Amino acid sequence: MREQPIGQAVENDERAEVIAYHRGDTHAAIGTLLDDIRHLRRQLALAEGAMSRGMTRGWLPDYDRR
């Protein structure tokens, strides 16, 4: 049996849980995750507007993964 790194095993379990929650409907699972992304981006934009530069020592949020 091949051992999986812990991080990879957790990611695989999370994927399975998301799909199981949507009763195997992958389109519904993807739709929910996209809705979550939109919500979190809105929350990030609100937080960015509410915090001062001094509070974050020049940090600015990045909306895209690198």
PDB file of N, CA and C in Angstrom:
ATOM      1  N   MET A   1       0.844  -1.176   0.000  1.00  0.00           N
ATOM      2  CA  MET A   1       0.000   0.000   0.000  1.00  0.00           C
ATOM      3  C   MET A   1       0.890   1.240   0.000  1.00  0.00           C
ATOM      4  N   ARG A   2       0.605   2.165  -0.897  1.00  0.00           N
ATOM      5  CA  ARG A   2       1.372   3.398  -1.006  1.00  0.00           C
ATOM      6  C   ARG A   2       0.868   4.395   0.034  1.00  0.00           C
ATOM      7  N   GLU A   3       1.797   4.996   0.758  1.00  0.00           N
ATOM      8  CA  GLU A   3       1.411   5.984   1.762  1.00  0.00           C
ATOM      9  C   GLU A   3       1.233   7.347   1.113  1.00  0.00           C
ATOM     10  N   GLN A   4       0.184   8.049   1.516  1.00  0.00           N
ATOM     11  CA  GLN A   4      -0.065   9.400   1.019  1.00  0.00           C
ATOM     12  C   GLN A   4       0.440  10.411   2.031  1.00  0.00           C
ATOM     13  N   PRO A   5       0.983  11.517   1.542  1.00  0.00           N
ATOM     14  CA  PRO A   5       1.312  12.588   2.487  1.00  0.00           C
ATOM     15  C   PRO A   5       0.034  13.048   3.186  1.00  0.00           C
ATOM     16  N   ILE A   6       0.161  13.489   4.412  1.00  0.00           N
ATOM     17  CA  ILE A   6      -1.003  13.872   5.210  1.00  0.00           C
ATOM     18  C   ILE A   6      -1.832  14.948   4.510  1.00  0.00           C
ATOM     19  N   GLY A   7      -1.195  15.973   3.966  1.00  0.00           N
ATOM     20  CA  GLY A   7      -1.926  17.048   3.301  1.00  0.00           C
ATOM     21  C   GLY A   7      -2.761  16.557   2.140  1.00  0.00           C
ATOM     22  N   GLN A   8      -2.221  15.644   1.352  1.00  0.00           N
ATOM     23  CA  GLN A   8      -2.942  15.122   0.202  1.00  0.00           C
ATOM     24  C   GLN A   8      -4.136  14.285   0.647  1.00  0.00           C
ATOM     25  N   ALA A   9      -3.979  13.502   1.696  1.00  0.00           N
ATOM     26  CA  ALA A   9      -5.071  12.679   2.197  1.00  0.00           C
ATOM     27  C   ALA A   9      -6.218  13.552   2.684  1.00  0.00           C
ATOM     28  N   VAL A  10      -5.897  14.638   3.350  1.00  0.00           N
ATOM     29  CA  VAL A  10      -6.927  15.549   3.852  1.00  0.00           C
ATOM     30  C   VAL A  10      -7.669  16.184   2.678  1.00  0.00           C
ATOM     31  N   GLU A  11      -6.939  16.619   1.650  1.00  0.00           N
ATOM     32  CA  GLU A  11      -7.582  17.221   0.481  1.00  0.00           C
ATOM     33  C   GLU A  11      -8.513  16.236  -0.199  1.00  0.00           C
ATOM     34  N   ASN A  12      -8.084  14.983  -0.347  1.00  0.00           N
ATOM     35  CA  ASN A  12      -8.935  13.975  -0.974  1.00  0.00           C
ATOM     36  C   ASN A  12     -10.196  13.744  -0.149  1.00  0.00           C
ATOM     37  N   ASP A  13     -10.067  13.705   1.181  1.00  0.00           N
ATOM     38  CA  ASP A  13     -11.228  13.529   2.049  1.00  0.00           C
ATOM     39  C   ASP A  13     -12.179  14.709   1.918  1.00  0.00           C
ATOM     40  N   GLU A  14     -11.640  15.908   1.845  1.00  0.00           N
ATOM     41  CA  GLU A  14     -12.492  17.096   1.712  1.00  0.00           C
ATOM     42  C   GLU A  14     -13.274  17.060   0.407  1.00  0.00           C
ATOM     43  N   ARG A  15     -12.619  16.677  -0.667  1.00  0.00           N
ATOM     44  CA  ARG A  15     -13.315  16.589  -1.954  1.00  0.00           C
ATOM     45  C   ARG A  15     -14.457  15.587  -1.874  1.00  0.00           C
ATOM     46  N   ALA A  16     -14.179  14.435  -1.298  1.00  0.00           N
ATOM     47  CA  ALA A  16     -15.197  13.400  -1.175  1.00  0.00           C
ATOM     48  C   ALA A  16     -16.361  13.881  -0.309  1.00  0.00           C
ATOM     49  N   GLU A  17     -16.056  14.605   0.761  1.00  0.00           N
ATOM     50  CA  GLU A  17     -17.112  15.117   1.640  1.00  0.00           C
ATOM     51  C   GLU A  17     -17.993  16.131   0.920  1.00  0.00           C
ATOM     52  N   VAL A  18     -17.385  17.014   0.134  1.00  0.00           N
ATOM     53  CA  VAL A  18     -18.160  18.025  -0.595  1.00  0.00           C
ATOM     54  C   VAL A  18     -19.095  17.343  -1.591  1.00  0.00           C
ATOM     55  N   ILE A  19     -18.576  16.377  -2.318  1.00  0.00           N
ATOM     56  CA  ILE A  19     -19.405  15.679  -3.312  1.00  0.00           C
ATOM     57  C   ILE A  19     -20.486  14.858  -2.619  1.00  0.00           C
ATOM     58  N   ALA A  20     -20.154  14.215  -1.515  1.00  0.00           N
ATOM     59  CA  ALA A  20     -21.152  13.436  -0.770  1.00  0.00           C
ATOM     60  C   ALA A  20     -22.254  14.341  -0.220  1.00  0.00           C
ATOM     61  N   TYR A  21     -21.890  15.526   0.256  1.00  0.00           N
ATOM     62  CA  TYR A  21     -22.882  16.468   0.779  1.00  0.00           C
ATOM     63  C   TYR A  21     -23.908  16.819  -0.293  1.00  0.00           C
ATOM     64  N   HIS A  22     -23.460  16.881  -1.543  1.00  0.00           N
ATOM     65  CA  HIS A  22     -24.347  17.217  -2.664  1.00  0.00           C
ATOM     66  C   HIS A  22     -24.898  15.964  -3.343  1.00  0.00           C
ATOM     67  N   ARG A  23     -24.834  14.842  -2.642  1.00  0.00           N
ATOM     68  CA  ARG A  23     -25.374  13.552  -3.099  1.00  0.00           C
ATOM     69  C   ARG A  23     -24.831  13.140  -4.466  1.00  0.00           C
ATOM     70  N   GLY A  24     -23.524  13.386  -4.662  1.00  0.00           N
ATOM     71  CA  GLY A  24     -22.876  12.956  -5.888  1.00  0.00           C
ATOM     72  C   GLY A  24     -23.022  13.910  -7.066  1.00  0.00           C
ATOM     73  N   ASP A  25     -23.745  15.003  -6.889  1.00  0.00           N
ATOM     74  CA  ASP A  25     -23.945  15.976  -7.966  1.00  0.00           C
ATOM     75  C   ASP A  25     -22.760  16.940  -8.007  1.00  0.00           C
ATOM     76  N   THR A  26     -21.827  16.662  -8.924  1.00  0.00           N
ATOM     77  CA  THR A  26     -20.611  17.477  -8.981  1.00  0.00           C
ATOM     78  C   THR A  26     -20.894  18.902  -9.437  1.00  0.00           C
ATOM     79  N   HIS A  27     -21.897  19.084 -10.291  1.00  0.00           N
ATOM     80  CA  HIS A  27     -22.243  20.442 -10.735  1.00  0.00           C
ATOM     81  C   HIS A  27     -22.753  21.284  -9.563  1.00  0.00           C
ATOM     82  N   ALA A  28     -23.553  20.691  -8.700  1.00  0.00           N
ATOM     83  CA  ALA A  28     -24.039  21.402  -7.517  1.00  0.00           C
ATOM     84  C   ALA A  28     -22.886  21.714  -6.567  1.00  0.00           C
ATOM     85  N   ALA A  29     -21.957  20.779  -6.423  1.00  0.00           N
ATOM     86  CA  ALA A  29     -20.797  20.991  -5.549  1.00  0.00           C
ATOM     87  C   ALA A  29     -19.950  22.151  -6.067  1.00  0.00           C
ATOM     88  N   ILE A  30     -19.696  22.178  -7.365  1.00  0.00           N
ATOM     89  CA  ILE A  30     -18.908  23.262  -7.953  1.00  0.00           C
ATOM     90  C   ILE A  30     -19.642  24.589  -7.807  1.00  0.00           C
ATOM     91  N   GLY A  31     -20.942  24.588  -8.024  1.00  0.00           N
ATOM     92  CA  GLY A  31     -21.734  25.812  -7.868  1.00  0.00           C
ATOM     93  C   GLY A  31     -21.660  26.367  -6.457  1.00  0.00           C
ATOM     94  N   THR A  32     -21.747  25.497  -5.465  1.00  0.00           N
ATOM     95  CA  THR A  32     -21.648  25.930  -4.073  1.00  0.00           C
ATOM     96  C   THR A  32     -20.272  26.513  -3.782  1.00  0.00           C
ATOM     97  N   LEU A  33     -19.228  25.854  -4.275  1.00  0.00           N
ATOM     98  CA  LEU A  33     -17.869  26.358  -4.043  1.00  0.00           C
ATOM     99  C   LEU A  33     -17.649  27.699  -4.725  1.00  0.00           C
ATOM    100  N   LEU A  34     -18.204  27.881  -5.924  1.00  0.00           N
ATOM    101  CA  LEU A  34     -18.091  29.178  -6.607  1.00  0.00           C
ATOM    102  C   LEU A  34     -18.844  30.273  -5.845  1.00  0.00           C
ATOM    103  N   ASP A  35     -20.009  29.922  -5.300  1.00  0.00           N
ATOM    104  CA  ASP A  35     -20.743  30.883  -4.469  1.00  0.00           C
ATOM    105  C   ASP A  35     -19.929  31.273  -3.241  1.00  0.00           C
ATOM    106  N   ASP A  36     -19.266  30.293  -2.627  1.00  0.00           N
ATOM    107  CA  ASP A  36     -18.416  30.569  -1.470  1.00  0.00           C
ATOM    108  C   ASP A  36     -17.271  31.508  -1.846  1.00  0.00           C
ATOM    109  N   ILE A  37     -16.666  31.290  -3.005  1.00  0.00           N
ATOM    110  CA  ILE A  37     -15.573  32.158  -3.457  1.00  0.00           C
ATOM    111  C   ILE A  37     -16.068  33.586  -3.632  1.00  0.00           C
ATOM    112  N   ARG A  38     -17.232  33.755  -4.281  1.00  0.00           N
ATOM    113  CA  ARG A  38     -17.787  35.103  -4.467  1.00  0.00           C
ATOM    114  C   ARG A  38     -18.039  35.798  -3.128  1.00  0.00           C
ATOM    115  N   HIS A  39     -18.611  35.045  -2.195  1.00  0.00           N
ATOM    116  CA  HIS A  39     -18.896  35.601  -0.871  1.00  0.00           C
ATOM    117  C   HIS A  39     -17.603  36.027  -0.171  1.00  0.00           C
ATOM    118  N   LEU A  40     -16.586  35.177  -0.210  1.00  0.00           N
ATOM    119  CA  LEU A  40     -15.329  35.494   0.465  1.00  0.00           C
ATOM    120  C   LEU A  40     -14.613  36.668  -0.192  1.00  0.00           C
ATOM    121  N   ARG A  41     -14.721  36.799  -1.509  1.00  0.00           N
ATOM    122  CA  ARG A  41     -14.117  37.956  -2.182  1.00  0.00           C
ATOM    123  C   ARG A  41     -14.818  39.249  -1.755  1.00  0.00           C
ATOM    124  N   ARG A  42     -16.154  39.186  -1.610  1.00  0.00           N
ATOM    125  CA  ARG A  42     -16.880  40.370  -1.123  1.00  0.00           C
ATOM    126  C   ARG A  42     -16.456  40.719   0.294  1.00  0.00           C
ATOM    127  N   GLN A  43     -16.312  39.708   1.130  1.00  0.00           N
ATOM    128  CA  GLN A  43     -15.886  39.942   2.504  1.00  0.00           C
ATOM    129  C   GLN A  43     -14.485  40.541   2.546  1.00  0.00           C
ATOM    130  N   LEU A  44     -13.602  40.067   1.683  1.00  0.00           N
ATOM    131  CA  LEU A  44     -12.246  40.590   1.606  1.00  0.00           C
ATOM    132  C   LEU A  44     -12.250  42.047   1.153  1.00  0.00           C
ATOM    133  N   ALA A  45     -13.105  42.377   0.191  1.00  0.00           N
ATOM    134  CA  ALA A  45     -13.200  43.763  -0.277  1.00  0.00           C
ATOM    135  C   ALA A  45     -13.709  44.670   0.843  1.00  0.00           C
ATOM    136  N   LEU A  46     -14.675  44.204   1.614  1.00  0.00           N
ATOM    137  CA  LEU A  46     -15.184  44.994   2.738  1.00  0.00           C
ATOM    138  C   LEU A  46     -14.105  45.199   3.795  1.00  0.00           C
ATOM    139  N   ALA A  47     -13.370  44.143   4.104  1.00  0.00           N
ATOM    140  CA  ALA A  47     -12.299  44.242   5.100  1.00  0.00           C
ATOM    141  C   ALA A  47     -11.214  45.194   4.619  1.00  0.00           C
ATOM    142  N   GLU A  48     -10.890  45.130   3.332  1.00  0.00           N
ATOM    143  CA  GLU A  48      -9.872  46.018   2.769  1.00  0.00           C
ATOM    144  C   GLU A  48     -10.288  47.480   2.923  1.00  0.00           C
ATOM    145  N   GLY A  49     -11.562  47.762   2.696  1.00  0.00           N
ATOM    146  CA  GLY A  49     -12.052  49.125   2.823  1.00  0.00           C
ATOM    147  C   GLY A  49     -12.090  49.617   4.256  1.00  0.00           C
ATOM    148  N   ALA A  50     -12.228  48.701   5.199  1.00  0.00           N
ATOM    149  CA  ALA A  50     -12.383  49.089   6.596  1.00  0.00           C
ATOM    150  C   ALA A  50     -11.058  49.214   7.349  1.00  0.00           C
ATOM    151  N   MET A  51      -9.992  48.611   6.844  1.00  0.00           N
ATOM    152  CA  MET A  51      -8.743  48.634   7.598  1.00  0.00           C
ATOM    153  C   MET A  51      -7.780  49.683   7.044  1.00  0.00           C
ATOM    154  N   SER A  52      -6.978  50.205   7.946  1.00  0.00           N
ATOM    155  CA  SER A  52      -6.020  51.230   7.537  1.00  0.00           C
ATOM    156  C   SER A  52      -4.695  50.588   7.131  1.00  0.00           C
ATOM    157  N   ARG A  53      -3.897  51.322   6.392  1.00  0.00           N
ATOM    158  CA  ARG A  53      -2.576  50.830   5.970  1.00  0.00           C
ATOM    159  C   ARG A  53      -1.687  50.535   7.169  1.00  0.00           C
ATOM    160  N   GLY A  54      -1.744  51.384   8.188  1.00  0.00           N
ATOM    161  CA  GLY A  54      -0.897  51.186   9.360  1.00  0.00           C
ATOM    162  C   GLY A  54      -1.230  49.913  10.102  1.00  0.00           C
ATOM    163  N   MET A  55      -2.494  49.543  10.092  1.00  0.00           N
ATOM    164  CA  MET A  55      -2.922  48.344  10.800  1.00  0.00           C
ATOM    165  C   MET A  55      -2.325  47.089  10.163  1.00  0.00           C
ATOM    166  N   THR A  56      -2.144  47.100   8.869  1.00  0.00           N
ATOM    167  CA  THR A  56      -1.654  45.912   8.172  1.00  0.00           C
ATOM    168  C   THR A  56      -0.206  46.047   7.722  1.00  0.00           C
ATOM    169  N   ARG A  57       0.441  47.144   8.101  1.00  0.00           N
ATOM    170  CA  ARG A  57       1.843  47.400   7.763  1.00  0.00           C
ATOM    171  C   ARG A  57       2.103  47.290   6.265  1.00  0.00           C
ATOM    172  N   GLY A  58       1.200  47.860   5.474  1.00  0.00           N
ATOM    173  CA  GLY A  58       1.381  47.907   4.032  1.00  0.00           C
ATOM    174  C   GLY A  58       0.853  46.701   3.272  1.00  0.00           C
ATOM    175  N   TRP A  59       0.343  45.684   3.992  1.00  0.00           N
ATOM    176  CA  TRP A  59      -0.186  44.505   3.314  1.00  0.00           C
ATOM    177  C   TRP A  59      -1.460  44.869   2.574  1.00  0.00           C
ATOM    178  N   LEU A  60      -1.608  44.365   1.385  1.00  0.00           N
ATOM    179  CA  LEU A  60      -2.842  44.506   0.622  1.00  0.00           C
ATOM    180  C   LEU A  60      -3.337  43.115   0.244  1.00  0.00           C
ATOM    181  N   PRO A  61      -4.639  42.902   0.282  1.00  0.00           N
ATOM    182  CA  PRO A  61      -5.152  41.580  -0.083  1.00  0.00           C
ATOM    183  C   PRO A  61      -4.924  41.295  -1.560  1.00  0.00           C
ATOM    184  N   ASP A  62      -4.778  40.030  -1.879  1.00  0.00           N
ATOM    185  CA  ASP A  62      -4.612  39.593  -3.255  1.00  0.00           C
ATOM    186  C   ASP A  62      -5.821  38.714  -3.591  1.00  0.00           C
ATOM    187  N   TYR A  63      -6.558  39.115  -4.585  1.00  0.00           N
ATOM    188  CA  TYR A  63      -7.792  38.417  -4.911  1.00  0.00           C
ATOM    189  C   TYR A  63      -7.582  37.177  -5.788  1.00  0.00           C
ATOM    190  N   ASP A  64      -6.407  37.023  -6.344  1.00  0.00           N
ATOM    191  CA  ASP A  64      -6.111  35.881  -7.205  1.00  0.00           C
ATOM    192  C   ASP A  64      -4.979  35.055  -6.621  1.00  0.00           C
ATOM    193  N   ARG A  65      -5.081  33.737  -6.805  1.00  0.00           N
ATOM    194  CA  ARG A  65      -4.005  32.853  -6.343  1.00  0.00           C
ATOM    195  C   ARG A  65      -2.826  32.967  -7.285  1.00  0.00           C
ATOM    196  N   ARG A  66      -1.668  32.802  -6.754  1.00  0.00           N
ATOM    197  CA  ARG A  66      -0.458  32.851  -7.586  1.00  0.00           C
ATOM    198  C   ARG A  66       0.081  31.482  -7.825  1.00  0.00           C
TER     199      ARG A  66
END
